[in-house]
Amino acid sequence: MIIAAEFDGRHEIYDIEKNLKLYKESVLRKKIYLMLLHPQNSAHAKKSKKWLEKRKID
């Protein structure tokens, strides 16, 4: 599963993530990746931790 979001967007867990129960432990242990999109001329990312606080990302 790849989650793509704008870095400057809201970092709370989205409804689709909740509905799919992406962060619940399961027998199938799915891979989850987070792709944060930045504007083309933006400086290096800072404060990415806010995106990872409530998500279990591989």
C-alpha atoms as a PDB file:
ATOM      1  CA  MET A   1       0.000   0.000   0.000  1.00  0.00           C
ATOM      2  CA  ILE A   2       1.378   3.396  -0.953  1.00  0.00           C
ATOM      3  CA  ILE A   3      -0.002   6.475   0.742  1.00  0.00           C
ATOM      4  CA  ALA A   4       0.716   9.691  -1.170  1.00  0.00           C
ATOM      5  CA  ALA A   5       0.039  13.083   0.392  1.00  0.00           C
ATOM      6  CA  GLU A   6       1.177  16.661   0.054  1.00  0.00           C
ATOM      7  CA  PHE A   7       3.712  17.407   2.772  1.00  0.00           C
ATOM      8  CA  ASP A   8       2.021  20.705   3.616  1.00  0.00           C
ATOM      9  CA  GLY A   9      -1.386  18.996   3.805  1.00  0.00           C
ATOM     10  CA  ARG A  10      -3.057  17.796   6.973  1.00  0.00           C
ATOM     11  CA  HIS A  11      -1.085  14.998   8.612  1.00  0.00           C
ATOM     12  CA  GLU A  12      -3.931  13.326  10.499  1.00  0.00           C
ATOM     13  CA  ILE A  13      -4.875   9.792   9.482  1.00  0.00           C
ATOM     14  CA  TYR A  14      -7.289  10.014   6.532  1.00  0.00           C
ATOM     15  CA  ASP A  15     -10.689   8.289   6.455  1.00  0.00           C
ATOM     16  CA  ILE A  16      -9.507   5.794   3.825  1.00  0.00           C
ATOM     17  CA  GLU A  17      -6.645   4.741   6.102  1.00  0.00           C
ATOM     18  CA  LYS A  18      -9.124   4.223   8.938  1.00  0.00           C
ATOM     19  CA  ASN A  19     -11.654   2.368   6.771  1.00  0.00           C
ATOM     20  CA  LEU A  20      -8.986  -0.004   5.440  1.00  0.00           C
ATOM     21  CA  LYS A  21      -7.620  -0.475   8.978  1.00  0.00           C
ATOM     22  CA  LEU A  22      -4.116  -0.046   7.617  1.00  0.00           C
ATOM     23  CA  TYR A  23      -2.384   0.195  10.961  1.00  0.00           C
ATOM     24  CA  LYS A  24      -4.071  -2.705  12.734  1.00  0.00           C
ATOM     25  CA  GLU A  25      -1.979  -5.808  13.328  1.00  0.00           C
ATOM     26  CA  SER A  26      -3.013  -8.657  11.063  1.00  0.00           C
ATOM     27  CA  VAL A  27      -1.918 -12.086   9.975  1.00  0.00           C
ATOM     28  CA  LEU A  28      -1.181 -10.879   6.438  1.00  0.00           C
ATOM     29  CA  ARG A  29       1.292  -8.163   7.537  1.00  0.00           C
ATOM     30  CA  LYS A  30       0.978  -5.786   4.617  1.00  0.00           C
ATOM     31  CA  LYS A  31       3.708  -3.375   3.538  1.00  0.00           C
ATOM     32  CA  ILE A  32       2.826   0.307   3.867  1.00  0.00           C
ATOM     33  CA  TYR A  33       4.881   3.120   2.366  1.00  0.00           C
ATOM     34  CA  LEU A  34       4.381   6.857   2.806  1.00  0.00           C
ATOM     35  CA  MET A  35       5.232   9.185  -0.081  1.00  0.00           C
ATOM     36  CA  LEU A  36       5.257  12.874   0.857  1.00  0.00           C
ATOM     37  CA  LEU A  37       5.058  15.230  -2.109  1.00  0.00           C
ATOM     38  CA  HIS A  38       6.896  18.550  -1.943  1.00  0.00           C
ATOM     39  CA  PRO A  39       6.744  21.545  -4.286  1.00  0.00           C
ATOM     40  CA  GLN A  40       9.478  21.449  -6.933  1.00  0.00           C
ATOM     41  CA  ASN A  41      11.594  24.277  -5.490  1.00  0.00           C
ATOM     42  CA  SER A  42      11.047  23.570  -1.798  1.00  0.00           C
ATOM     43  CA  ALA A  43      13.848  23.361   0.710  1.00  0.00           C
ATOM     44  CA  HIS A  44      14.694  20.053   2.366  1.00  0.00           C
ATOM     45  CA  ALA A  45      11.858  18.526   4.334  1.00  0.00           C
ATOM     46  CA  LYS A  46      11.574  19.359   8.002  1.00  0.00           C
ATOM     47  CA  LYS A  47       9.208  18.082  10.666  1.00  0.00           C
ATOM     48  CA  SER A  48       8.350  14.866   8.813  1.00  0.00           C
ATOM     49  CA  LYS A  49       7.912  13.253  12.219  1.00  0.00           C
ATOM     50  CA  LYS A  50       4.343  14.582  12.442  1.00  0.00           C
ATOM     51  CA  TRP A  51       3.404  12.280   9.529  1.00  0.00           C
ATOM     52  CA  LEU A  52       4.879   9.221  11.246  1.00  0.00           C
ATOM     53  CA  GLU A  53       3.525   9.667  14.773  1.00  0.00           C
ATOM     54  CA  LYS A  54       0.261   7.723  14.246  1.00  0.00           C
ATOM     55  CA  ARG A  55       1.274   5.547  11.286  1.00  0.00           C
ATOM     56  CA  LYS A  56       3.173   2.254  11.180  1.00  0.00           C
ATOM     57  CA  ILE A  57       5.226   2.675   8.005  1.00  0.00           C
ATOM     58  CA  ASP A  58       7.602   0.067   6.557  1.00  0.00           C
END
